[in-house]
Amino acid sequence: MDKLHIHIDVSPELFIKNPDNSELGKKIVSNSISLIHELGFECFTIKKLSTQIGSPESTIYRYFESKHMILFYLIYWYWSWIEYRLVFKTHNLPSAEDKLKSAIVLLTESVKEDSTFSHINEILLDRIIMSEAVKAYFTKRIDLKTEQTHFSVYQRVVERVSQMVLDINSKYQYSHMLVSTLIEGAHQQRFFAENIPSLTDINKDPNYITQFYEQLVFNSISK
């Protein structure tokens, strides 16, 4: 596939002006990732971002109405990128079992930087999702419309993998719960490995996380 034709679409409800359409917009996104990773979302501010990129705060507000919308944008972009990779990796696989195994690897492995998108550091973005995304999920600003818009692509990823589960066992009742537990649990275990290693076994073997969730998923859906 020609990487020049790959584009990750983000819902226009998440920005005022599409940052993907200008070098300044890409600079805002790129530096937001590095600053949120460095400072944490609580300490990240539009003022600090404007200092980082050497542009007035008003310039950033032409693209995003708040720092929360920047975080929502990054979350949406990340899961759209994951969805693209999920579809690409599983499309031509011969069986439902092979597709599910491939999906589990994708959702549990450590992220590597994708040179296709030069302004996005996927490794740092993955760490933000791992440590900061929960703050977006549980913010008091969330309502039904917001949830449907901001997290729709995450829901699509869960739905796609959930369907793989049902293709293997159509009577399994907890496919969405199983897949969302897989995703969030894998993030949590990688966080534990870096910060509280006594809570995980990944430090013994980096492949343990994939092996564990593959075993968990297939044992759970066994007929």
N, C-alpha and C. Protein backbone atom coordinates (compact mmCIF):
# COMPACT_ATOMS: atom_id res chain seq x y z
N MET A 1 0.85 -1.20 0.00
CA MET A 1 0.00 0.00 0.00
C MET A 1 0.89 1.25 0.00
N ASP A 2 0.56 2.22 -0.83
CA ASP A 2 1.32 3.46 -0.90
C ASP A 2 1.00 4.32 0.31
N LYS A 3 2.01 4.50 1.16
CA LYS A 3 1.76 5.21 2.40
C LYS A 3 1.38 6.66 2.19
N LEU A 4 1.70 7.21 0.98
CA LEU A 4 1.36 8.60 0.72
C LEU A 4 -0.15 8.81 0.66
N HIS A 5 -0.89 7.72 0.43
CA HIS A 5 -2.34 7.83 0.29
C HIS A 5 -3.07 7.53 1.60
N ILE A 6 -2.33 7.21 2.64
CA ILE A 6 -2.95 6.89 3.92
C ILE A 6 -3.25 8.18 4.68
N HIS A 7 -4.49 8.30 5.10
CA HIS A 7 -4.89 9.48 5.87
C HIS A 7 -5.81 9.04 7.00
N ILE A 8 -5.52 9.53 8.19
CA ILE A 8 -6.35 9.22 9.36
C ILE A 8 -7.36 10.35 9.54
N ASP A 9 -8.63 10.02 9.37
CA ASP A 9 -9.69 11.02 9.51
C ASP A 9 -10.10 11.15 10.97
N VAL A 10 -10.30 12.38 11.41
CA VAL A 10 -10.77 12.68 12.76
C VAL A 10 -12.07 13.47 12.63
N SER A 11 -13.02 13.17 13.50
CA SER A 11 -14.32 13.84 13.46
C SER A 11 -14.15 15.37 13.51
N PRO A 12 -14.78 16.10 12.60
CA PRO A 12 -14.67 17.57 12.59
C PRO A 12 -15.26 18.22 13.83
N GLU A 13 -16.03 17.48 14.62
CA GLU A 13 -16.58 18.03 15.86
C GLU A 13 -15.50 18.21 16.92
N LEU A 14 -14.31 17.67 16.68
CA LEU A 14 -13.24 17.73 17.68
C LEU A 14 -12.29 18.90 17.46
N PHE A 15 -12.46 19.63 16.39
CA PHE A 15 -11.57 20.77 16.14
C PHE A 15 -12.35 21.89 15.48
N ILE A 16 -11.80 23.09 15.56
CA ILE A 16 -12.38 24.25 14.88
C ILE A 16 -11.84 24.33 13.46
N LYS A 17 -10.53 24.16 13.35
CA LYS A 17 -9.84 24.14 12.07
C LYS A 17 -9.01 22.88 12.02
N ASN A 18 -9.09 22.12 10.94
CA ASN A 18 -8.41 20.83 10.87
C ASN A 18 -6.89 21.01 10.94
N PRO A 19 -6.26 20.53 12.00
CA PRO A 19 -4.81 20.71 12.13
C PRO A 19 -4.01 19.92 11.10
N ASP A 20 -4.64 18.92 10.50
CA ASP A 20 -3.95 18.09 9.53
C ASP A 20 -3.73 18.80 8.20
N ASN A 21 -4.38 19.96 8.04
CA ASN A 21 -4.31 20.66 6.75
C ASN A 21 -3.25 21.74 6.68
N SER A 22 -2.46 21.90 7.74
CA SER A 22 -1.43 22.93 7.71
C SER A 22 -0.23 22.50 8.54
N GLU A 23 0.92 23.05 8.23
CA GLU A 23 2.13 22.73 9.00
C GLU A 23 2.01 23.24 10.43
N LEU A 24 1.36 24.40 10.62
CA LEU A 24 1.17 24.92 11.97
C LEU A 24 0.26 24.00 12.78
N GLY A 25 -0.81 23.52 12.15
CA GLY A 25 -1.71 22.60 12.83
C GLY A 25 -1.00 21.33 13.25
N LYS A 26 -0.19 20.78 12.35
CA LYS A 26 0.58 19.57 12.67
C LYS A 26 1.58 19.85 13.79
N LYS A 27 2.14 21.05 13.79
CA LYS A 27 3.08 21.43 14.85
C LYS A 27 2.36 21.50 16.20
N ILE A 28 1.14 22.01 16.21
CA ILE A 28 0.34 22.06 17.44
C ILE A 28 0.10 20.65 17.97
N VAL A 29 -0.29 19.73 17.08
CA VAL A 29 -0.57 18.34 17.48
C VAL A 29 0.70 17.66 17.98
N SER A 30 1.78 17.82 17.23
CA SER A 30 3.04 17.17 17.58
C SER A 30 3.55 17.63 18.94
N ASN A 31 3.51 18.93 19.17
CA ASN A 31 4.01 19.47 20.43
C ASN A 31 3.04 19.20 21.58
N SER A 32 1.76 19.08 21.29
CA SER A 32 0.81 18.69 22.33
C SER A 32 1.15 17.30 22.86
N ILE A 33 1.48 16.40 21.95
CA ILE A 33 1.84 15.03 22.36
C ILE A 33 3.07 15.04 23.26
N SER A 34 4.10 15.76 22.84
CA SER A 34 5.33 15.76 23.63
C SER A 34 5.13 16.44 24.99
N LEU A 35 4.33 17.51 25.02
CA LEU A 35 4.11 18.22 26.29
C LEU A 35 3.23 17.44 27.25
N ILE A 36 2.15 16.84 26.74
CA ILE A 36 1.28 16.05 27.61
C ILE A 36 2.06 14.87 28.18
N HIS A 37 2.89 14.25 27.35
CA HIS A 37 3.71 13.14 27.83
C HIS A 37 4.70 13.61 28.89
N GLU A 38 5.28 14.77 28.67
CA GLU A 38 6.31 15.28 29.59
C GLU A 38 5.70 15.79 30.90
N LEU A 39 4.60 16.53 30.81
CA LEU A 39 4.06 17.24 31.98
C LEU A 39 2.90 16.51 32.64
N GLY A 40 2.20 15.66 31.90
CA GLY A 40 0.92 15.13 32.37
C GLY A 40 -0.19 16.08 31.96
N PHE A 41 -1.40 15.54 31.79
CA PHE A 41 -2.48 16.36 31.26
C PHE A 41 -2.87 17.48 32.21
N GLU A 42 -2.82 17.26 33.52
CA GLU A 42 -3.21 18.30 34.47
C GLU A 42 -2.34 19.54 34.34
N CYS A 43 -1.04 19.34 34.12
CA CYS A 43 -0.10 20.47 34.05
C CYS A 43 0.04 21.03 32.63
N PHE A 44 -0.51 20.34 31.68
CA PHE A 44 -0.48 20.81 30.30
C PHE A 44 -1.47 21.96 30.12
N THR A 45 -1.03 23.07 29.53
CA THR A 45 -1.91 24.21 29.29
C THR A 45 -1.70 24.76 27.88
N ILE A 46 -2.69 25.49 27.41
CA ILE A 46 -2.56 26.14 26.11
C ILE A 46 -1.42 27.16 26.14
N LYS A 47 -1.25 27.84 27.26
CA LYS A 47 -0.17 28.82 27.38
C LYS A 47 1.19 28.16 27.22
N LYS A 48 1.39 27.02 27.88
CA LYS A 48 2.66 26.30 27.76
C LYS A 48 2.86 25.80 26.34
N LEU A 49 1.78 25.38 25.70
CA LEU A 49 1.88 24.92 24.32
C LEU A 49 2.26 26.07 23.39
N SER A 50 1.67 27.23 23.62
CA SER A 50 1.99 28.39 22.77
C SER A 50 3.46 28.79 22.92
N THR A 51 3.98 28.70 24.13
CA THR A 51 5.41 28.99 24.36
C THR A 51 6.28 27.97 23.63
N GLN A 52 5.85 26.73 23.69
CA GLN A 52 6.61 25.64 23.07
C GLN A 52 6.73 25.83 21.57
N ILE A 53 5.63 26.24 20.92
CA ILE A 53 5.64 26.34 19.45
C ILE A 53 5.99 27.75 18.98
N GLY A 54 6.11 28.69 19.92
CA GLY A 54 6.48 30.05 19.56
C GLY A 54 5.39 30.81 18.83
N SER A 55 4.12 30.53 19.17
CA SER A 55 2.98 31.22 18.55
C SER A 55 2.03 31.67 19.65
N PRO A 56 1.24 32.73 19.42
CA PRO A 56 0.29 33.20 20.42
C PRO A 56 -0.77 32.14 20.75
N GLU A 57 -1.30 32.22 21.96
CA GLU A 57 -2.37 31.30 22.36
C GLU A 57 -3.56 31.38 21.40
N SER A 58 -3.83 32.60 20.92
CA SER A 58 -4.98 32.79 20.01
C SER A 58 -4.85 31.94 18.76
N THR A 59 -3.62 31.66 18.34
CA THR A 59 -3.39 30.82 17.17
C THR A 59 -3.87 29.40 17.43
N ILE A 60 -3.58 28.91 18.63
CA ILE A 60 -3.99 27.54 18.99
C ILE A 60 -5.51 27.46 19.09
N TYR A 61 -6.12 28.52 19.65
CA TYR A 61 -7.58 28.52 19.80
C TYR A 61 -8.31 28.59 18.46
N ARG A 62 -7.60 28.90 17.40
CA ARG A 62 -8.21 28.82 16.07
C ARG A 62 -8.40 27.36 15.64
N TYR A 63 -7.64 26.48 16.26
CA TYR A 63 -7.72 25.06 15.93
C TYR A 63 -8.53 24.26 16.95
N PHE A 64 -8.33 24.55 18.24
CA PHE A 64 -9.00 23.79 19.31
C PHE A 64 -9.57 24.75 20.34
N GLU A 65 -10.77 24.45 20.84
CA GLU A 65 -11.41 25.37 21.78
C GLU A 65 -10.85 25.22 23.20
N SER A 66 -10.18 24.10 23.52
CA SER A 66 -9.65 23.89 24.86
C SER A 66 -8.61 22.78 24.83
N LYS A 67 -7.91 22.64 25.94
CA LYS A 67 -6.92 21.55 26.02
C LYS A 67 -7.62 20.20 26.06
N HIS A 68 -8.86 20.16 26.59
CA HIS A 68 -9.60 18.90 26.60
C HIS A 68 -9.91 18.44 25.18
N MET A 69 -10.21 19.38 24.29
CA MET A 69 -10.50 19.00 22.91
C MET A 69 -9.23 18.50 22.21
N ILE A 70 -8.07 19.00 22.61
CA ILE A 70 -6.82 18.47 22.06
C ILE A 70 -6.66 17.01 22.48
N LEU A 71 -6.93 16.73 23.75
CA LEU A 71 -6.83 15.36 24.23
C LEU A 71 -7.84 14.46 23.52
N PHE A 72 -9.08 14.93 23.36
CA PHE A 72 -10.07 14.15 22.63
C PHE A 72 -9.62 13.89 21.20
N TYR A 73 -9.02 14.89 20.57
CA TYR A 73 -8.51 14.74 19.21
C TYR A 73 -7.45 13.65 19.16
N LEU A 74 -6.52 13.68 20.11
CA LEU A 74 -5.44 12.70 20.13
C LEU A 74 -5.97 11.29 20.37
N ILE A 75 -6.95 11.16 21.26
CA ILE A 75 -7.55 9.85 21.51
C ILE A 75 -8.23 9.34 20.25
N TYR A 76 -8.97 10.18 19.58
CA TYR A 76 -9.68 9.78 18.37
C TYR A 76 -8.67 9.37 17.28
N TRP A 77 -7.62 10.18 17.11
CA TRP A 77 -6.60 9.86 16.10
C TRP A 77 -5.96 8.52 16.41
N TYR A 78 -5.62 8.29 17.67
CA TYR A 78 -4.96 7.04 18.06
C TYR A 78 -5.82 5.83 17.71
N TRP A 79 -7.10 5.86 18.08
CA TRP A 79 -7.94 4.70 17.83
C TRP A 79 -8.28 4.55 16.36
N SER A 80 -8.30 5.64 15.61
CA SER A 80 -8.47 5.54 14.16
C SER A 80 -7.26 4.86 13.53
N TRP A 81 -6.09 5.20 14.03
CA TRP A 81 -4.85 4.57 13.56
C TRP A 81 -4.84 3.07 13.90
N ILE A 82 -5.26 2.74 15.12
CA ILE A 82 -5.35 1.34 15.52
C ILE A 82 -6.36 0.60 14.64
N GLU A 83 -7.50 1.23 14.36
CA GLU A 83 -8.51 0.60 13.52
C GLU A 83 -7.97 0.33 12.12
N TYR A 84 -7.29 1.31 11.55
CA TYR A 84 -6.68 1.14 10.23
C TYR A 84 -5.72 -0.06 10.22
N ARG A 85 -4.87 -0.16 11.24
CA ARG A 85 -3.91 -1.26 11.32
C ARG A 85 -4.63 -2.60 11.54
N LEU A 86 -5.69 -2.57 12.33
CA LEU A 86 -6.46 -3.78 12.61
C LEU A 86 -7.07 -4.33 11.32
N VAL A 87 -7.69 -3.48 10.54
CA VAL A 87 -8.31 -3.89 9.28
C VAL A 87 -7.25 -4.41 8.31
N PHE A 88 -6.14 -3.69 8.23
CA PHE A 88 -5.08 -4.06 7.29
C PHE A 88 -4.46 -5.41 7.65
N LYS A 89 -4.24 -5.67 8.94
CA LYS A 89 -3.57 -6.89 9.38
C LYS A 89 -4.47 -8.13 9.30
N THR A 90 -5.77 -7.94 9.41
CA THR A 90 -6.67 -9.10 9.49
C THR A 90 -7.46 -9.37 8.22
N HIS A 91 -7.40 -8.46 7.28
CA HIS A 91 -8.29 -8.53 6.11
C HIS A 91 -8.18 -9.85 5.35
N ASN A 92 -6.96 -10.30 5.09
CA ASN A 92 -6.76 -11.47 4.23
C ASN A 92 -6.46 -12.75 5.01
N LEU A 93 -6.64 -12.73 6.30
CA LEU A 93 -6.38 -13.94 7.08
C LEU A 93 -7.50 -14.96 6.86
N PRO A 94 -7.15 -16.24 6.82
CA PRO A 94 -8.10 -17.25 6.36
C PRO A 94 -9.19 -17.65 7.34
N SER A 95 -8.95 -17.50 8.65
CA SER A 95 -9.94 -18.02 9.61
C SER A 95 -10.23 -16.99 10.69
N ALA A 96 -11.35 -17.18 11.36
CA ALA A 96 -11.73 -16.28 12.46
C ALA A 96 -10.71 -16.37 13.60
N GLU A 97 -10.18 -17.57 13.84
CA GLU A 97 -9.18 -17.74 14.90
C GLU A 97 -7.91 -16.96 14.58
N ASP A 98 -7.47 -17.02 13.33
CA ASP A 98 -6.27 -16.28 12.92
C ASP A 98 -6.49 -14.78 13.06
N LYS A 99 -7.68 -14.32 12.67
CA LYS A 99 -7.98 -12.90 12.77
C LYS A 99 -7.98 -12.43 14.22
N LEU A 100 -8.58 -13.22 15.10
CA LEU A 100 -8.63 -12.84 16.51
C LEU A 100 -7.25 -12.85 17.14
N LYS A 101 -6.44 -13.84 16.81
CA LYS A 101 -5.07 -13.89 17.33
C LYS A 101 -4.27 -12.68 16.87
N SER A 102 -4.42 -12.32 15.60
CA SER A 102 -3.72 -11.15 15.07
C SER A 102 -4.19 -9.87 15.76
N ALA A 103 -5.49 -9.77 16.02
CA ALA A 103 -6.04 -8.60 16.71
C ALA A 103 -5.50 -8.51 18.13
N ILE A 104 -5.40 -9.64 18.82
CA ILE A 104 -4.89 -9.64 20.19
C ILE A 104 -3.44 -9.17 20.22
N VAL A 105 -2.64 -9.63 19.26
CA VAL A 105 -1.24 -9.18 19.18
C VAL A 105 -1.20 -7.67 18.99
N LEU A 106 -1.99 -7.17 18.05
CA LEU A 106 -2.00 -5.73 17.78
C LEU A 106 -2.39 -4.92 19.00
N LEU A 107 -3.39 -5.38 19.75
CA LEU A 107 -3.93 -4.62 20.87
C LEU A 107 -3.12 -4.76 22.15
N THR A 108 -2.17 -5.69 22.18
CA THR A 108 -1.41 -5.91 23.41
C THR A 108 0.08 -5.62 23.25
N GLU A 109 0.58 -5.57 22.03
CA GLU A 109 2.01 -5.37 21.84
C GLU A 109 2.41 -3.91 22.09
N SER A 110 3.69 -3.71 22.37
CA SER A 110 4.21 -2.34 22.51
C SER A 110 4.17 -1.65 21.15
N VAL A 111 3.75 -0.41 21.15
CA VAL A 111 3.61 0.35 19.90
C VAL A 111 4.98 0.76 19.36
N LYS A 112 5.11 0.67 18.06
CA LYS A 112 6.32 1.15 17.38
C LYS A 112 5.96 2.38 16.55
N GLU A 113 6.92 3.27 16.38
CA GLU A 113 6.65 4.50 15.63
C GLU A 113 6.36 4.18 14.17
N ASP A 114 5.37 4.85 13.63
CA ASP A 114 4.93 4.66 12.25
C ASP A 114 5.42 5.85 11.43
N SER A 115 6.37 5.59 10.53
CA SER A 115 6.97 6.68 9.75
C SER A 115 6.01 7.28 8.75
N THR A 116 4.85 6.66 8.56
CA THR A 116 3.85 7.20 7.63
C THR A 116 3.38 8.59 8.05
N PHE A 117 3.32 8.81 9.38
CA PHE A 117 2.79 10.07 9.90
C PHE A 117 3.92 10.79 10.65
N SER A 118 4.62 11.66 9.93
CA SER A 118 5.86 12.24 10.46
C SER A 118 5.62 13.17 11.65
N HIS A 119 4.42 13.75 11.77
CA HIS A 119 4.17 14.71 12.85
C HIS A 119 3.60 14.05 14.10
N ILE A 120 3.40 12.73 14.06
CA ILE A 120 2.84 12.00 15.19
C ILE A 120 3.88 11.02 15.72
N ASN A 121 4.20 11.15 16.99
CA ASN A 121 5.04 10.16 17.65
C ASN A 121 4.11 9.14 18.31
N GLU A 122 3.90 8.02 17.63
CA GLU A 122 2.93 7.04 18.10
C GLU A 122 3.33 6.41 19.43
N ILE A 123 4.63 6.31 19.69
CA ILE A 123 5.09 5.73 20.96
C ILE A 123 4.67 6.62 22.13
N LEU A 124 4.91 7.92 22.01
CA LEU A 124 4.50 8.85 23.07
C LEU A 124 2.99 8.92 23.16
N LEU A 125 2.32 8.91 22.01
CA LEU A 125 0.86 8.96 22.02
C LEU A 125 0.28 7.73 22.71
N ASP A 126 0.87 6.58 22.48
CA ASP A 126 0.42 5.36 23.14
C ASP A 126 0.56 5.48 24.65
N ARG A 127 1.64 6.10 25.10
CA ARG A 127 1.84 6.30 26.55
C ARG A 127 0.81 7.26 27.12
N ILE A 128 0.42 8.25 26.33
CA ILE A 128 -0.64 9.17 26.76
C ILE A 128 -1.96 8.44 26.89
N ILE A 129 -2.28 7.61 25.91
CA ILE A 129 -3.52 6.83 25.97
C ILE A 129 -3.50 5.93 27.20
N MET A 130 -2.35 5.34 27.48
CA MET A 130 -2.20 4.42 28.60
C MET A 130 -2.41 5.11 29.94
N SER A 131 -1.95 6.36 30.06
CA SER A 131 -1.96 7.02 31.37
C SER A 131 -2.95 8.17 31.50
N GLU A 132 -3.38 8.75 30.38
CA GLU A 132 -4.18 9.97 30.44
C GLU A 132 -5.60 9.81 29.89
N ALA A 133 -5.83 8.82 29.04
CA ALA A 133 -7.13 8.73 28.36
C ALA A 133 -8.28 8.51 29.33
N VAL A 134 -8.00 7.82 30.43
CA VAL A 134 -9.06 7.57 31.40
C VAL A 134 -9.65 8.87 31.93
N LYS A 135 -8.84 9.94 31.95
CA LYS A 135 -9.32 11.25 32.41
C LYS A 135 -10.33 11.83 31.44
N ALA A 136 -10.21 11.47 30.18
CA ALA A 136 -11.20 11.91 29.20
C ALA A 136 -12.47 11.09 29.32
N TYR A 137 -12.34 9.80 29.58
CA TYR A 137 -13.52 8.93 29.69
C TYR A 137 -14.42 9.36 30.85
N PHE A 138 -13.80 9.77 31.96
CA PHE A 138 -14.57 10.01 33.17
C PHE A 138 -14.79 11.49 33.49
N THR A 139 -14.47 12.36 32.55
CA THR A 139 -14.70 13.77 32.80
C THR A 139 -16.20 14.04 32.93
N LYS A 140 -16.58 15.01 33.74
CA LYS A 140 -17.99 15.34 33.95
C LYS A 140 -18.62 15.96 32.72
N ARG A 141 -17.78 16.31 31.73
CA ARG A 141 -18.31 16.91 30.52
C ARG A 141 -18.95 15.87 29.60
N ILE A 142 -18.70 14.59 29.88
CA ILE A 142 -19.21 13.55 29.01
C ILE A 142 -20.74 13.47 29.09
N ASP A 143 -21.39 13.49 27.95
CA ASP A 143 -22.82 13.20 27.87
C ASP A 143 -23.01 12.24 26.70
N LEU A 144 -24.24 11.86 26.41
CA LEU A 144 -24.47 10.85 25.39
C LEU A 144 -23.94 11.29 24.03
N LYS A 145 -24.22 12.53 23.64
CA LYS A 145 -23.76 13.01 22.33
C LYS A 145 -22.24 13.04 22.27
N THR A 146 -21.62 13.53 23.36
CA THR A 146 -20.17 13.59 23.40
C THR A 146 -19.57 12.20 23.30
N GLU A 147 -20.15 11.28 24.03
CA GLU A 147 -19.65 9.90 24.01
C GLU A 147 -19.74 9.32 22.61
N GLN A 148 -20.87 9.53 21.95
CA GLN A 148 -21.07 8.97 20.63
C GLN A 148 -20.09 9.55 19.62
N THR A 149 -19.74 10.81 19.78
CA THR A 149 -18.82 11.46 18.84
C THR A 149 -17.37 11.16 19.18
N HIS A 150 -16.97 11.46 20.42
CA HIS A 150 -15.56 11.43 20.79
C HIS A 150 -15.00 10.02 20.87
N PHE A 151 -15.83 9.05 21.26
CA PHE A 151 -15.33 7.71 21.47
C PHE A 151 -15.89 6.70 20.47
N SER A 152 -16.49 7.22 19.39
CA SER A 152 -17.11 6.33 18.42
C SER A 152 -16.09 5.41 17.76
N VAL A 153 -14.90 5.91 17.49
CA VAL A 153 -13.92 5.08 16.81
C VAL A 153 -13.39 4.00 17.75
N TYR A 154 -13.25 4.30 19.03
CA TYR A 154 -12.86 3.30 20.02
C TYR A 154 -13.94 2.21 20.08
N GLN A 155 -15.19 2.64 20.04
CA GLN A 155 -16.29 1.68 20.04
C GLN A 155 -16.24 0.80 18.79
N ARG A 156 -15.83 1.38 17.66
CA ARG A 156 -15.74 0.59 16.43
C ARG A 156 -14.65 -0.48 16.53
N VAL A 157 -13.53 -0.12 17.15
CA VAL A 157 -12.47 -1.11 17.34
C VAL A 157 -12.97 -2.26 18.20
N VAL A 158 -13.65 -1.92 19.31
CA VAL A 158 -14.20 -2.96 20.17
C VAL A 158 -15.21 -3.80 19.40
N GLU A 159 -16.04 -3.17 18.60
CA GLU A 159 -17.07 -3.88 17.83
C GLU A 159 -16.44 -4.84 16.81
N ARG A 160 -15.39 -4.38 16.14
CA ARG A 160 -14.72 -5.24 15.15
C ARG A 160 -14.16 -6.50 15.79
N VAL A 161 -13.47 -6.33 16.91
CA VAL A 161 -12.86 -7.49 17.57
C VAL A 161 -13.94 -8.34 18.23
N SER A 162 -14.96 -7.70 18.74
CA SER A 162 -16.10 -8.43 19.30
C SER A 162 -16.73 -9.34 18.26
N GLN A 163 -16.84 -8.87 17.03
CA GLN A 163 -17.41 -9.69 15.96
C GLN A 163 -16.51 -10.89 15.67
N MET A 164 -15.19 -10.71 15.77
CA MET A 164 -14.28 -11.84 15.59
C MET A 164 -14.54 -12.91 16.65
N VAL A 165 -14.78 -12.46 17.88
CA VAL A 165 -15.12 -13.39 18.96
C VAL A 165 -16.39 -14.15 18.63
N LEU A 166 -17.40 -13.44 18.17
CA LEU A 166 -18.69 -14.07 17.86
C LEU A 166 -18.61 -14.96 16.63
N ASP A 167 -17.69 -14.69 15.73
CA ASP A 167 -17.49 -15.56 14.57
C ASP A 167 -16.97 -16.93 15.00
N ILE A 168 -16.29 -16.95 16.14
CA ILE A 168 -15.79 -18.21 16.68
C ILE A 168 -16.85 -18.88 17.54
N ASN A 169 -17.51 -18.10 18.37
CA ASN A 169 -18.55 -18.64 19.25
C ASN A 169 -19.71 -17.66 19.28
N SER A 170 -20.69 -17.90 18.46
CA SER A 170 -21.81 -16.97 18.31
C SER A 170 -22.69 -16.88 19.55
N LYS A 171 -22.54 -17.82 20.47
CA LYS A 171 -23.36 -17.83 21.67
C LYS A 171 -22.68 -17.16 22.87
N TYR A 172 -21.45 -16.70 22.67
CA TYR A 172 -20.75 -16.06 23.78
C TYR A 172 -21.42 -14.72 24.11
N GLN A 173 -21.75 -14.51 25.38
CA GLN A 173 -22.61 -13.39 25.76
C GLN A 173 -21.86 -12.11 26.12
N TYR A 174 -20.56 -12.20 26.29
CA TYR A 174 -19.84 -11.06 26.88
C TYR A 174 -18.73 -10.53 25.95
N SER A 175 -18.98 -10.53 24.66
CA SER A 175 -17.91 -10.22 23.71
C SER A 175 -17.37 -8.80 23.87
N HIS A 176 -18.26 -7.82 24.06
CA HIS A 176 -17.80 -6.44 24.21
C HIS A 176 -17.04 -6.25 25.52
N MET A 177 -17.55 -6.85 26.59
CA MET A 177 -16.87 -6.77 27.87
C MET A 177 -15.49 -7.42 27.80
N LEU A 178 -15.40 -8.54 27.10
CA LEU A 178 -14.13 -9.24 26.98
C LEU A 178 -13.11 -8.41 26.21
N VAL A 179 -13.54 -7.81 25.11
CA VAL A 179 -12.62 -7.04 24.27
C VAL A 179 -12.18 -5.75 24.96
N SER A 180 -13.12 -5.03 25.58
CA SER A 180 -12.73 -3.79 26.28
C SER A 180 -11.84 -4.10 27.48
N THR A 181 -12.06 -5.24 28.13
CA THR A 181 -11.18 -5.67 29.23
C THR A 181 -9.79 -5.99 28.70
N LEU A 182 -9.73 -6.65 27.55
CA LEU A 182 -8.46 -6.93 26.90
C LEU A 182 -7.67 -5.65 26.63
N ILE A 183 -8.33 -4.67 26.03
CA ILE A 183 -7.65 -3.43 25.64
C ILE A 183 -7.18 -2.66 26.87
N GLU A 184 -8.10 -2.40 27.80
CA GLU A 184 -7.75 -1.60 28.97
C GLU A 184 -6.78 -2.36 29.87
N GLY A 185 -6.96 -3.68 29.98
CA GLY A 185 -6.06 -4.47 30.81
C GLY A 185 -4.65 -4.50 30.26
N ALA A 186 -4.50 -4.59 28.95
CA ALA A 186 -3.18 -4.58 28.34
C ALA A 186 -2.46 -3.27 28.61
N HIS A 187 -3.19 -2.16 28.48
CA HIS A 187 -2.61 -0.85 28.81
C HIS A 187 -2.19 -0.79 30.27
N GLN A 188 -3.04 -1.30 31.14
CA GLN A 188 -2.75 -1.26 32.56
C GLN A 188 -1.54 -2.11 32.91
N GLN A 189 -1.43 -3.27 32.30
CA GLN A 189 -0.30 -4.14 32.59
C GLN A 189 1.02 -3.53 32.12
N ARG A 190 1.00 -2.85 30.98
CA ARG A 190 2.22 -2.17 30.52
C ARG A 190 2.57 -1.00 31.44
N PHE A 191 1.54 -0.32 31.96
CA PHE A 191 1.78 0.75 32.93
C PHE A 191 2.39 0.18 34.20
N PHE A 192 1.85 -0.94 34.67
CA PHE A 192 2.39 -1.59 35.86
C PHE A 192 3.85 -2.00 35.64
N ALA A 193 4.15 -2.52 34.46
CA ALA A 193 5.51 -2.99 34.17
C ALA A 193 6.53 -1.86 34.33
N GLU A 194 6.11 -0.64 33.99
CA GLU A 194 7.01 0.50 34.06
C GLU A 194 7.01 1.17 35.43
N ASN A 195 5.91 1.03 36.19
CA ASN A 195 5.77 1.81 37.41
C ASN A 195 5.62 0.97 38.68
N ILE A 196 4.91 -0.16 38.60
CA ILE A 196 4.71 -1.02 39.78
C ILE A 196 4.91 -2.46 39.33
N PRO A 197 6.13 -2.86 39.04
CA PRO A 197 6.38 -4.17 38.42
C PRO A 197 5.92 -5.36 39.25
N SER A 198 5.74 -5.17 40.56
CA SER A 198 5.29 -6.28 41.40
C SER A 198 3.85 -6.69 41.08
N LEU A 199 3.11 -5.86 40.35
CA LEU A 199 1.72 -6.16 40.01
C LEU A 199 1.58 -6.89 38.68
N THR A 200 2.69 -7.20 38.03
CA THR A 200 2.61 -7.83 36.72
C THR A 200 3.74 -8.83 36.57
N ASP A 201 3.64 -9.66 35.53
CA ASP A 201 4.70 -10.62 35.21
C ASP A 201 5.41 -10.28 33.91
N ILE A 202 5.07 -9.12 33.33
CA ILE A 202 5.64 -8.75 32.04
C ILE A 202 7.14 -8.56 32.14
N ASN A 203 7.61 -8.16 33.33
CA ASN A 203 9.05 -7.93 33.48
C ASN A 203 9.86 -9.22 33.30
N LYS A 204 9.21 -10.36 33.41
CA LYS A 204 9.89 -11.64 33.20
C LYS A 204 10.04 -11.95 31.71
N ASP A 205 9.05 -11.54 30.94
CA ASP A 205 9.06 -11.81 29.50
C ASP A 205 8.10 -10.82 28.84
N PRO A 206 8.60 -9.95 27.95
CA PRO A 206 7.74 -8.95 27.30
C PRO A 206 6.56 -9.56 26.54
N ASN A 207 6.69 -10.83 26.14
CA ASN A 207 5.61 -11.48 25.40
C ASN A 207 4.50 -12.00 26.29
N TYR A 208 4.70 -11.93 27.60
CA TYR A 208 3.70 -12.48 28.52
C TYR A 208 2.35 -11.82 28.37
N ILE A 209 2.33 -10.54 28.09
CA ILE A 209 1.05 -9.84 28.03
C ILE A 209 0.19 -10.38 26.88
N THR A 210 0.81 -10.59 25.71
CA THR A 210 0.07 -11.15 24.58
C THR A 210 -0.33 -12.59 24.86
N GLN A 211 0.58 -13.37 25.42
CA GLN A 211 0.29 -14.77 25.73
C GLN A 211 -0.85 -14.87 26.75
N PHE A 212 -0.80 -14.00 27.76
CA PHE A 212 -1.83 -14.04 28.79
C PHE A 212 -3.20 -13.74 28.21
N TYR A 213 -3.31 -12.67 27.42
CA TYR A 213 -4.63 -12.29 26.91
C TYR A 213 -5.11 -13.23 25.81
N GLU A 214 -4.21 -13.81 25.05
CA GLU A 214 -4.64 -14.81 24.08
C GLU A 214 -5.22 -16.01 24.81
N GLN A 215 -4.55 -16.45 25.87
CA GLN A 215 -5.06 -17.56 26.66
C GLN A 215 -6.39 -17.21 27.32
N LEU A 216 -6.46 -16.00 27.88
CA LEU A 216 -7.69 -15.56 28.55
C LEU A 216 -8.87 -15.51 27.60
N VAL A 217 -8.65 -14.92 26.43
CA VAL A 217 -9.74 -14.76 25.47
C VAL A 217 -10.22 -16.11 24.94
N PHE A 218 -9.29 -16.93 24.50
CA PHE A 218 -9.69 -18.20 23.88
C PHE A 218 -10.26 -19.18 24.91
N ASN A 219 -9.76 -19.14 26.14
CA ASN A 219 -10.37 -19.96 27.18
C ASN A 219 -11.78 -19.49 27.50
N SER A 220 -11.98 -18.18 27.47
CA SER A 220 -13.29 -17.63 27.80
C SER A 220 -14.35 -17.98 26.76
N ILE A 221 -13.95 -18.01 25.49
CA ILE A 221 -14.94 -18.21 24.44
C ILE A 221 -15.00 -19.68 23.99
N SER A 222 -14.22 -20.54 24.64
CA SER A 222 -14.23 -21.94 24.28
C SER A 222 -15.65 -22.51 24.43
N LYS A 223 -16.10 -23.20 23.43
CA LYS A 223 -17.49 -23.72 23.44
C LYS A 223 -17.60 -24.89 24.41
